[in-house]
Amino acid sequence: MNKILSATLAAVLVLGLFPLSSFALAPNEAAPVLNETGWTADELDEYLDYYFYIPLEEVESIEDLKEMLGVPLTEENLQQIAAEYEFADKEELTDFLVEYGELEEGQDIIETFFYTNALRTLIEDYQDMEEPTPLTEESLAEFLADLEITREELNEVLAAQGRKVEDFETIEELEEAYFEAIVGEDLLDGMDEVLAQFGITETEVEALFNHFDSINISDPKNEAPLMAILERTEAIGDFESADDLTDAELQELASIMRDMLTILQLDAKFYLTKDGNKTPLSDRELIELESTDGADLLIELYNLQGVFLADMIITAEMFGSEIIEEVKDEAEKVISQPVLPKKPAKPVHQKTPKTVKGAKMPNTAGNFAEGALLGLGFILGGLILVRRRYVKHS
């Protein structure tokens, strides 16, 4: 498949429109953990969701899964953990967990928790509840060091919420407020550079979020249709230009694009814009297009009721540079961020290009359909996943 469509369709399918499983472990990849524990995939999913607030489908690799879980509990490392958290012995730790309802009388810690990190997480959570840490200069310095942020960065995050450090009496209160402020905003800030490249406004982002919410995009019923689309794309095979494709294959590519948008319950309209003129493009014209002739591409997104949601513009200059690959890399970073980032992002505030509702943008020639669908796919994919994580943890 040529540069115009290879990364394009892969991006839209695998990242853009398949947020639930684009990075998920295949069932056989989790086999080492399942064999080690004797659990089913559903039991592992419940374990991860309970202790780490993340479903199995969001774990990217077996390495990440093992890092999250830690090592299997043994009598030896259990005694080490008990001592580390200032318990006299295993029995005292057991009583502590029973008191908080994490163990039933007679249950064994090793058989219940199996891995070290789940046990450590619960101990720390409950000890923090028991003994709030007073907010002092010393504890604040430790808090900042743990998060790898400066006092100025913390002040900036809190100020955006109309708060300041002096409003809090304990580190736990400050920590909760800090993460409430950044858990969604940090992910969105990570998308700022990507969105700014294409002239998408905050109002349009909100409209897309509301749309995805209304259609329940995370519903598992979308998985089978998207897999079918992926198989259709792979069936076309490699090609260097539209000339290498038959008429039927060109029609199939156009159909694939529309079917993907249908699953998202979106309608996309494509236009060439130059010198204030706006020329509509059909799906096939977009796929066959080899040159911009100095024009920019405008993509307008509507819901299926015809309500405008957002528009984005990909300049001819973008097609003539490496910016599409840069956007791809940035979107991948954003999509793979942890739900609770350790450090608030430092957004790169670029001048936001105007869409057709405002001024024109620079013109040069380049690869067109690649940028069109790649940009659309990554932006939609990033927004879908960011929204999904934000809602779950807000």
Protein backbone atom coordinates (compact mmCIF):
# COMPACT_ATOMS: atom_id res chain seq x y z
CA MET A 1 0.00 0.00 0.00
CA ASN A 2 1.43 3.42 -0.89
CA LYS A 3 2.29 6.32 1.40
CA ILE A 4 -1.10 7.85 0.70
CA LEU A 5 -3.09 5.03 2.27
CA SER A 6 -0.88 2.58 4.13
CA ALA A 7 -0.36 4.36 7.43
CA THR A 8 -3.64 6.13 6.85
CA LEU A 9 -5.99 3.19 7.06
CA ALA A 10 -3.90 1.45 9.68
CA ALA A 11 -4.03 4.55 11.84
CA VAL A 12 -7.75 5.01 11.49
CA LEU A 13 -8.53 1.37 12.09
CA VAL A 14 -6.03 0.34 14.71
CA LEU A 15 -5.64 3.55 16.67
CA GLY A 16 -8.34 5.90 15.58
CA LEU A 17 -11.35 3.66 15.61
CA PHE A 18 -10.30 0.74 17.75
CA PRO A 19 -9.54 2.28 21.12
CA LEU A 20 -10.68 -0.70 23.11
CA SER A 21 -8.22 -3.18 21.69
CA SER A 22 -5.59 -1.31 19.70
CA PHE A 23 -3.06 -1.78 22.49
CA ALA A 24 -4.70 -4.64 24.36
CA LEU A 25 -3.00 -7.91 25.13
CA ALA A 26 -4.12 -10.81 22.99
CA PRO A 27 -5.49 -13.64 25.17
CA ASN A 28 -2.47 -15.84 24.47
CA GLU A 29 -0.07 -13.03 25.46
CA ALA A 30 -1.45 -13.02 29.01
CA ALA A 31 -0.96 -16.78 29.22
CA PRO A 32 2.20 -16.61 31.40
CA VAL A 33 0.29 -14.79 34.14
CA LEU A 34 -2.82 -16.94 33.75
CA ASN A 35 -0.75 -20.11 33.96
CA GLU A 36 1.17 -18.80 36.97
CA THR A 37 -1.99 -17.92 38.90
CA GLY A 38 -4.47 -20.44 37.57
CA TRP A 39 -6.86 -17.57 36.87
CA THR A 40 -9.12 -17.10 33.89
CA ALA A 41 -8.83 -13.94 31.79
CA ASP A 42 -12.00 -12.63 33.45
CA GLU A 43 -10.54 -13.21 36.92
CA LEU A 44 -7.35 -11.39 35.94
CA ASP A 45 -9.44 -8.52 34.58
CA GLU A 46 -11.35 -8.28 37.88
CA TYR A 47 -8.07 -8.35 39.83
CA LEU A 48 -6.56 -5.51 37.79
CA ASP A 49 -9.72 -3.44 37.96
CA TYR A 50 -10.03 -3.84 41.74
CA TYR A 51 -6.44 -3.19 42.75
CA PHE A 52 -5.13 -0.98 39.95
CA TYR A 53 -8.28 0.58 38.46
CA ILE A 54 -7.39 -0.56 34.96
CA PRO A 55 -9.05 -3.31 32.89
CA LEU A 56 -6.99 -5.96 31.13
CA GLU A 57 -7.96 -4.51 27.76
CA GLU A 58 -5.95 -1.36 28.50
CA VAL A 59 -2.70 -3.20 29.31
CA GLU A 60 -0.36 -2.88 26.34
CA SER A 61 2.10 -5.75 26.77
CA ILE A 62 3.00 -8.70 28.95
CA GLU A 63 5.98 -6.68 30.19
CA ASP A 64 3.68 -3.88 31.35
CA LEU A 65 1.39 -6.41 33.01
CA LYS A 66 4.23 -8.02 34.94
CA GLU A 67 5.59 -4.63 35.99
CA MET A 68 2.15 -3.65 37.27
CA LEU A 69 1.68 -6.86 39.23
CA GLY A 70 5.14 -7.13 40.76
CA VAL A 71 6.51 -10.53 41.75
CA PRO A 72 4.57 -13.45 43.23
CA LEU A 73 4.23 -13.31 47.00
CA THR A 74 6.27 -15.75 49.06
CA GLU A 75 6.65 -16.22 52.80
CA GLU A 76 10.03 -14.52 52.55
CA ASN A 77 9.02 -11.36 50.67
CA LEU A 78 5.78 -11.16 52.67
CA GLN A 79 7.81 -10.87 55.88
CA GLN A 80 9.93 -8.18 54.19
CA ILE A 81 6.82 -6.22 53.20
CA ALA A 82 5.37 -6.53 56.71
CA ALA A 83 8.59 -5.15 58.20
CA GLU A 84 8.81 -2.40 55.58
CA TYR A 85 5.38 -1.11 56.61
CA GLU A 86 6.17 -1.49 60.32
CA PHE A 87 4.06 -4.55 61.10
CA ALA A 88 5.50 -6.85 63.74
CA ASP A 89 4.81 -9.96 61.68
CA LYS A 90 2.52 -11.59 59.13
CA GLU A 91 -0.21 -12.04 61.73
CA GLU A 92 -0.36 -8.33 62.53
CA LEU A 93 -0.53 -7.51 58.82
CA THR A 94 -3.33 -10.07 58.44
CA ASP A 95 -5.30 -8.43 61.26
CA PHE A 96 -4.82 -5.05 59.57
CA LEU A 97 -6.24 -6.33 56.27
CA VAL A 98 -9.15 -8.07 58.02
CA GLU A 99 -9.97 -4.84 59.84
CA TYR A 100 -10.36 -3.03 56.52
CA GLY A 101 -12.33 -5.83 54.89
CA GLU A 102 -9.61 -6.89 52.44
CA LEU A 103 -9.34 -10.35 54.01
CA GLU A 104 -11.88 -12.63 55.64
CA GLU A 105 -11.04 -14.43 58.86
CA GLY A 106 -8.96 -17.48 57.98
CA GLN A 107 -7.97 -16.26 54.51
CA ASP A 108 -4.31 -16.32 53.55
CA ILE A 109 -2.55 -13.18 52.30
CA ILE A 110 -0.49 -14.99 49.66
CA GLU A 111 -3.46 -16.89 48.23
CA THR A 112 -5.61 -13.75 48.17
CA PHE A 113 -3.20 -11.17 46.77
CA PHE A 114 -0.77 -13.45 44.92
CA TYR A 115 1.42 -10.51 43.79
CA THR A 116 3.38 -7.95 45.78
CA ASN A 117 2.15 -4.71 44.23
CA ALA A 118 -1.54 -5.21 44.99
CA LEU A 119 -0.66 -5.81 48.64
CA ARG A 120 1.64 -2.80 48.79
CA THR A 121 -1.00 -0.58 47.19
CA LEU A 122 -3.67 -1.48 49.74
CA ILE A 123 -1.35 -1.13 52.72
CA GLU A 124 -0.26 2.33 51.59
CA ASP A 125 -3.82 3.43 50.90
CA TYR A 126 -5.12 2.38 54.30
CA GLN A 127 -2.11 3.67 56.21
CA ASP A 128 -2.55 7.02 54.52
CA MET A 129 -6.18 7.00 55.68
CA GLU A 130 -5.12 6.23 59.23
CA GLU A 131 -2.33 8.76 59.49
CA PRO A 132 -2.79 11.88 57.36
CA THR A 133 0.51 13.60 56.65
CA PRO A 134 0.55 17.20 57.89
CA LEU A 135 1.35 19.69 55.16
CA THR A 136 4.72 21.15 56.11
CA GLU A 137 7.60 22.52 54.08
CA GLU A 138 9.37 19.18 54.50
CA SER A 139 6.40 17.02 53.47
CA LEU A 140 5.61 19.38 50.61
CA ALA A 141 9.18 19.10 49.33
CA GLU A 142 8.90 15.31 49.42
CA PHE A 143 5.55 15.46 47.61
CA LEU A 144 7.04 17.63 44.85
CA ALA A 145 10.06 15.36 44.52
CA ASP A 146 7.87 12.25 44.23
CA LEU A 147 5.86 13.86 41.43
CA GLU A 148 8.96 15.41 39.83
CA ILE A 149 7.35 18.84 39.64
CA THR A 150 8.34 22.27 40.94
CA ARG A 151 6.49 24.44 43.43
CA GLU A 152 5.71 26.83 40.58
CA GLU A 153 4.16 24.05 38.50
CA LEU A 154 2.04 22.93 41.44
CA ASN A 155 0.90 26.50 42.05
CA GLU A 156 -0.07 26.84 38.39
CA VAL A 157 -2.19 23.66 38.47
CA LEU A 158 -3.95 24.71 41.67
CA ALA A 159 -4.44 28.31 40.53
CA ALA A 160 -6.34 27.07 37.49
CA GLN A 161 -8.84 25.62 39.98
CA GLY A 162 -8.93 28.78 42.07
CA ARG A 163 -6.95 27.16 44.88
CA LYS A 164 -3.52 27.45 46.52
CA VAL A 165 -1.27 25.27 48.67
CA GLU A 166 -2.27 27.11 51.82
CA ASP A 167 -5.84 25.86 51.38
CA PHE A 168 -4.81 22.34 52.44
CA GLU A 169 -3.88 20.90 55.83
CA THR A 170 -2.57 17.49 54.75
CA ILE A 171 -0.53 16.08 51.90
CA GLU A 172 -3.36 13.66 51.13
CA GLU A 173 -5.82 16.52 50.57
CA LEU A 174 -3.30 18.30 48.35
CA GLU A 175 -2.59 15.13 46.39
CA GLU A 176 -6.28 14.48 45.78
CA ALA A 177 -6.84 18.04 44.58
CA TYR A 178 -3.78 17.91 42.35
CA PHE A 179 -4.82 14.72 40.58
CA GLU A 180 -8.43 15.86 40.27
CA ALA A 181 -7.09 18.92 38.48
CA ILE A 182 -4.79 17.13 36.06
CA VAL A 183 -6.19 13.66 35.48
CA GLY A 184 -8.25 14.82 32.52
CA GLU A 185 -6.48 18.07 31.75
CA ASP A 186 -3.04 16.48 31.46
CA LEU A 187 -4.25 14.07 28.82
CA LEU A 188 -6.02 16.84 26.98
CA ASP A 189 -2.97 19.09 27.26
CA GLY A 190 -0.98 16.30 25.67
CA MET A 191 -3.32 16.53 22.71
CA ASP A 192 -3.04 20.32 22.47
CA GLU A 193 -0.16 20.25 20.04
CA VAL A 194 -1.91 17.69 17.85
CA LEU A 195 -5.22 19.55 17.85
CA ALA A 196 -3.57 22.92 17.28
CA GLN A 197 -1.91 21.60 14.14
CA PHE A 198 -5.34 21.07 12.62
CA GLY A 199 -7.24 24.10 13.91
CA ILE A 200 -9.64 22.21 16.15
CA THR A 201 -11.04 24.46 18.88
CA GLU A 202 -11.90 23.59 22.49
CA THR A 203 -15.58 24.00 21.67
CA GLU A 204 -15.25 21.45 18.88
CA VAL A 205 -13.41 19.03 21.15
CA GLU A 206 -16.26 19.28 23.64
CA ALA A 207 -18.78 18.67 20.87
CA LEU A 208 -16.92 15.52 19.82
CA PHE A 209 -16.71 14.32 23.42
CA ASN A 210 -20.44 14.79 23.83
CA HIS A 211 -21.05 12.92 20.59
CA PHE A 212 -18.92 9.93 21.62
CA ASP A 213 -20.71 9.89 24.95
CA SER A 214 -24.11 9.88 23.28
CA ILE A 215 -23.30 6.88 21.07
CA ASN A 216 -21.46 4.84 23.74
CA ILE A 217 -18.42 4.36 21.53
CA SER A 218 -16.79 1.95 24.01
CA ASP A 219 -19.57 -0.61 23.58
CA PRO A 220 -17.97 -4.02 22.84
CA LYS A 221 -20.48 -4.53 20.04
CA ASN A 222 -18.28 -2.26 17.90
CA GLU A 223 -15.37 -4.71 18.05
CA ALA A 224 -16.56 -7.24 15.48
CA PRO A 225 -17.48 -4.67 12.80
CA LEU A 226 -14.11 -2.96 13.21
CA MET A 227 -12.24 -6.24 12.94
CA ALA A 228 -14.16 -6.96 9.76
CA ILE A 229 -13.11 -3.59 8.35
CA LEU A 230 -9.48 -4.31 9.21
CA GLU A 231 -9.66 -7.61 7.36
CA ARG A 232 -11.15 -5.85 4.34
CA THR A 233 -8.27 -3.39 4.35
CA GLU A 234 -5.64 -6.12 4.58
CA ALA A 235 -7.30 -7.97 1.71
CA ILE A 236 -6.53 -5.11 -0.68
CA GLY A 237 -2.78 -5.63 -0.23
CA ASP A 238 0.11 -3.35 -1.14
CA PHE A 239 0.12 -0.80 -3.92
CA GLU A 240 2.19 2.23 -4.95
CA SER A 241 -0.51 4.45 -6.41
CA ALA A 242 -4.19 4.52 -7.26
CA ASP A 243 -3.24 3.37 -10.76
CA ASP A 244 -2.33 -0.01 -9.28
CA LEU A 245 -5.87 -0.57 -8.06
CA THR A 246 -8.85 -1.83 -9.95
CA ASP A 247 -12.06 0.14 -10.05
CA ALA A 248 -13.59 -2.32 -7.59
CA GLU A 249 -10.66 -1.89 -5.17
CA LEU A 250 -10.97 1.89 -5.28
CA GLN A 251 -14.65 1.59 -4.52
CA GLU A 252 -13.82 -0.76 -1.65
CA LEU A 253 -11.39 1.77 -0.12
CA ALA A 254 -14.04 4.46 -0.28
CA SER A 255 -16.53 2.05 1.28
CA ILE A 256 -14.10 1.18 4.09
CA MET A 257 -13.70 4.83 4.99
CA ARG A 258 -17.45 5.39 5.07
CA ASP A 259 -18.10 2.23 7.07
CA MET A 260 -15.61 3.36 9.70
CA LEU A 261 -17.33 6.70 9.99
CA THR A 262 -20.69 4.96 10.22
CA ILE A 263 -19.55 3.00 13.27
CA LEU A 264 -18.56 6.31 14.84
CA GLN A 265 -21.90 7.70 13.69
CA LEU A 266 -20.10 10.54 11.93
CA ASP A 267 -20.34 12.02 8.48
CA ALA A 268 -17.19 13.56 7.01
CA LYS A 269 -17.24 16.05 4.15
CA PHE A 270 -14.01 16.81 2.29
CA TYR A 271 -13.15 20.03 0.47
CA LEU A 272 -10.18 21.58 -1.27
CA THR A 273 -9.78 25.21 -0.22
CA LYS A 274 -7.68 27.81 -2.03
CA ASP A 275 -7.96 31.58 -2.35
CA GLY A 276 -11.28 31.55 -0.52
CA ASN A 277 -12.80 28.95 -2.83
CA LYS A 278 -14.16 25.68 -1.46
CA THR A 279 -14.37 22.68 -3.81
CA PRO A 280 -16.12 19.49 -2.61
CA LEU A 281 -14.30 16.16 -2.94
CA SER A 282 -15.97 12.79 -3.22
CA ASP A 283 -14.55 9.85 -1.30
CA ARG A 284 -13.09 8.44 -4.48
CA GLU A 285 -11.57 11.75 -5.52
CA LEU A 286 -9.89 11.97 -2.14
CA ILE A 287 -8.44 8.48 -2.42
CA GLU A 288 -7.21 9.01 -5.97
CA LEU A 289 -5.76 12.46 -5.30
CA GLU A 290 -1.98 12.60 -5.83
CA SER A 291 -1.34 16.36 -5.59
CA THR A 292 -2.82 19.34 -3.78
CA ASP A 293 -1.84 21.91 -6.41
CA GLY A 294 -1.24 24.35 -3.57
CA ALA A 295 -4.64 23.80 -1.94
CA ASP A 296 -5.47 22.82 1.63
CA LEU A 297 -7.85 20.07 2.67
CA LEU A 298 -10.83 20.90 4.87
CA ILE A 299 -12.60 18.07 6.70
CA GLU A 300 -15.98 18.83 8.26
CA LEU A 301 -17.44 16.39 10.77
CA TYR A 302 -21.19 16.06 11.40
CA ASN A 303 -23.30 13.64 13.36
CA LEU A 304 -25.80 11.54 11.43
CA GLN A 305 -28.51 14.12 12.08
CA GLY A 306 -26.47 16.67 10.14
CA VAL A 307 -25.39 18.68 13.18
CA PHE A 308 -21.93 20.21 12.74
CA LEU A 309 -19.41 18.98 15.33
CA ALA A 310 -15.98 20.09 14.21
CA ASP A 311 -13.80 20.91 11.26
CA MET A 312 -10.09 20.45 10.73
CA ILE A 313 -7.76 21.69 8.06
CA ILE A 314 -4.66 19.99 6.72
CA THR A 315 -2.50 22.43 4.85
CA ALA A 316 -0.59 21.72 1.71
CA GLU A 317 2.49 22.65 3.72
CA MET A 318 1.78 19.79 6.10
CA PHE A 319 1.69 17.30 3.26
CA GLY A 320 5.05 18.52 2.05
CA SER A 321 6.74 18.00 5.43
CA GLU A 322 7.18 15.32 8.07
CA ILE A 323 4.47 16.79 10.25
CA ILE A 324 2.04 13.93 9.66
CA GLU A 325 4.54 11.45 11.10
CA GLU A 326 5.20 13.84 13.98
CA VAL A 327 1.47 14.02 14.68
CA LYS A 328 1.30 10.24 14.58
CA ASP A 329 4.12 9.94 17.11
CA GLU A 330 2.58 12.57 19.41
CA ALA A 331 -0.84 10.94 19.26
CA GLU A 332 0.67 7.56 20.13
CA LYS A 333 2.35 9.11 23.18
CA VAL A 334 -0.91 10.68 24.31
CA ILE A 335 -2.96 7.55 23.82
CA SER A 336 -0.47 5.42 25.75
CA GLN A 337 -0.13 7.77 28.74
CA PRO A 338 -0.98 6.35 32.16
CA VAL A 339 -4.31 7.40 33.57
CA LEU A 340 -2.69 9.14 36.53
CA PRO A 341 0.41 10.86 35.15
CA LYS A 342 3.26 11.47 37.57
CA LYS A 343 3.99 14.90 36.23
CA PRO A 344 1.73 17.50 34.66
CA ALA A 345 2.53 18.03 31.04
CA LYS A 346 4.15 21.23 29.90
CA PRO A 347 2.02 21.97 26.85
CA VAL A 348 3.64 23.44 23.79
CA HIS A 349 1.39 26.34 22.98
CA GLN A 350 1.60 26.81 19.25
CA LYS A 351 -0.30 29.35 17.28
CA THR A 352 -3.56 27.69 16.37
CA PRO A 353 -4.22 27.71 12.62
CA LYS A 354 -7.55 29.05 11.52
CA THR A 355 -9.97 26.76 9.76
CA VAL A 356 -12.18 27.83 6.90
CA LYS A 357 -14.21 29.84 9.41
CA GLY A 358 -11.19 32.13 9.72
CA ALA A 359 -8.03 32.91 7.81
CA LYS A 360 -6.34 30.74 5.21
CA MET A 361 -3.26 28.71 5.89
CA PRO A 362 -0.02 28.20 3.90
CA ASN A 363 -0.04 26.18 0.69
CA THR A 364 2.38 23.64 -0.74
CA ALA A 365 1.97 20.28 -2.47
CA GLY A 366 2.31 16.80 -1.03
CA ASN A 367 0.72 13.46 -0.14
CA PHE A 368 -2.92 14.21 0.41
CA ALA A 369 -5.16 11.33 1.30
CA GLU A 370 -2.54 9.97 3.69
CA GLY A 371 -2.60 13.14 5.72
CA ALA A 372 -6.35 13.47 5.49
CA LEU A 373 -7.24 10.09 6.90
CA LEU A 374 -4.20 9.78 9.16
CA GLY A 375 -4.89 13.09 10.83
CA LEU A 376 -8.59 12.35 11.11
CA GLY A 377 -7.98 8.87 12.49
CA PHE A 378 -5.44 9.82 15.12
CA ILE A 379 -7.38 12.83 16.30
CA LEU A 380 -10.63 10.90 16.64
CA GLY A 381 -8.83 7.98 18.24
CA GLY A 382 -7.01 10.18 20.70
CA LEU A 383 -10.18 12.02 21.65
CA ILE A 384 -12.15 8.81 22.09
CA LEU A 385 -9.57 7.27 24.40
CA VAL A 386 -8.83 10.46 26.31
CA ARG A 387 -12.55 10.92 26.95
CA ARG A 388 -12.95 7.32 28.02
CA ARG A 389 -10.16 7.57 30.58
CA TYR A 390 -11.20 11.00 31.79
CA VAL A 391 -14.78 9.91 32.47
CA LYS A 392 -13.68 6.74 34.24
CA HIS A 393 -11.38 8.52 36.64
CA SER A 394 -13.04 11.89 37.09
